[in-house]
Amino acid sequence: MNHFLNRPDIYNQPIRLDKENPQEVIKDFFLDFHLSDVRQELWNMVETALTTNHPNYSEGKSRDRLLYFYIQLEQLIEAVYIAKK
């Protein structure tokens, strides 16, 4: 269950962005992480989730959803990377 659903004050809203300019956050992110590092860290997270006995990923559908999310997030990060150039 999505624990943010019980928090209407933060549901579907940025909760970590404290800067007025999101472009600054994007710039800072890619100064801290190379695109290849981002891909590797994302994959490490997915691999860890899928190779442990955590109940959130015990069903095939939940593992499939995680992989789909990974692909979509990677594409989003690449789009932001291209847009920031």
Protein backbone atom coordinates (compact mmCIF):
# COMPACT_ATOMS: atom_id res chain seq x y z
CA MET A 1 0.00 0.00 0.00
CA ASN A 2 1.18 3.50 -0.81
CA HIS A 3 1.86 5.14 2.56
CA PHE A 4 1.62 8.61 0.97
CA LEU A 5 -2.12 8.11 0.37
CA ASN A 6 -2.69 8.68 4.08
CA ARG A 7 -0.83 12.00 3.93
CA PRO A 8 -2.92 14.46 1.88
CA ASP A 9 -0.47 17.24 2.75
CA ILE A 10 2.24 15.54 0.69
CA TYR A 11 0.31 13.26 -1.67
CA ASN A 12 1.18 13.98 -5.29
CA GLN A 13 3.33 16.99 -4.35
CA PRO A 14 7.07 17.56 -4.25
CA ILE A 15 8.31 16.78 -0.75
CA ARG A 16 12.06 17.22 -1.12
CA LEU A 17 12.33 20.15 -3.49
CA ASP A 18 13.23 23.13 -1.37
CA LYS A 19 14.64 25.34 -4.10
CA GLU A 20 12.74 27.91 -6.11
CA ASN A 21 14.42 26.80 -9.31
CA PRO A 22 14.07 23.12 -10.24
CA GLN A 23 16.70 23.65 -12.95
CA GLU A 24 19.24 24.20 -10.18
CA VAL A 25 18.32 20.84 -8.66
CA ILE A 26 18.77 19.16 -12.04
CA LYS A 27 22.14 20.83 -12.53
CA ASP A 28 23.28 19.83 -9.04
CA PHE A 29 22.13 16.24 -9.54
CA PHE A 30 24.15 15.77 -12.70
CA LEU A 31 27.16 17.48 -11.15
CA ASP A 32 27.04 14.89 -8.36
CA PHE A 33 26.23 11.84 -10.51
CA HIS A 34 27.32 10.82 -13.99
CA LEU A 35 24.58 9.26 -16.10
CA SER A 36 26.34 5.89 -15.96
CA ASP A 37 26.44 6.13 -12.14
CA VAL A 38 22.70 6.79 -12.05
CA ARG A 39 22.01 3.77 -14.23
CA GLN A 40 24.20 1.57 -12.03
CA GLU A 41 22.60 2.74 -8.78
CA LEU A 42 19.10 2.26 -10.19
CA TRP A 43 20.00 -1.24 -11.29
CA ASN A 44 21.56 -2.03 -7.91
CA MET A 45 18.30 -1.04 -6.21
CA VAL A 46 16.21 -3.21 -8.54
CA GLU A 47 18.60 -6.14 -8.28
CA THR A 48 18.58 -5.95 -4.48
CA ALA A 49 14.79 -5.78 -4.36
CA LEU A 50 14.38 -8.75 -6.68
CA THR A 51 17.01 -11.00 -5.12
CA THR A 52 15.91 -10.73 -1.50
CA ASN A 53 12.96 -12.36 0.21
CA HIS A 54 11.10 -9.11 0.77
CA PRO A 55 7.33 -9.72 0.61
CA ASN A 56 6.73 -6.62 -1.55
CA TYR A 57 8.28 -8.47 -4.48
CA SER A 58 7.11 -12.02 -3.85
CA GLU A 59 4.54 -11.92 -6.68
CA GLY A 60 5.50 -11.82 -10.34
CA LYS A 61 3.21 -8.84 -10.97
CA SER A 62 4.98 -6.71 -8.36
CA ARG A 63 8.39 -7.62 -9.81
CA ASP A 64 7.13 -6.75 -13.28
CA ARG A 65 5.85 -3.40 -12.00
CA LEU A 66 9.24 -2.67 -10.43
CA LEU A 67 11.06 -3.39 -13.69
CA TYR A 68 8.59 -1.22 -15.62
CA PHE A 69 9.13 1.60 -13.11
CA TYR A 70 12.89 1.20 -13.47
CA ILE A 71 12.70 1.53 -17.26
CA GLN A 72 10.40 4.55 -17.09
CA LEU A 73 12.54 6.26 -14.44
CA GLU A 74 15.70 5.65 -16.44
CA GLN A 75 14.06 7.21 -19.51
CA LEU A 76 12.92 10.20 -17.45
CA ILE A 77 16.42 10.72 -16.09
CA GLU A 78 17.87 10.52 -19.60
CA ALA A 79 15.31 13.06 -20.85
CA VAL A 80 16.20 15.45 -18.03
CA TYR A 81 19.89 14.90 -18.76
CA ILE A 82 19.38 15.83 -22.42
CA ALA A 83 17.15 18.80 -21.56
CA LYS A 84 19.70 20.27 -19.17
CA LYS A 85 22.39 20.46 -21.86
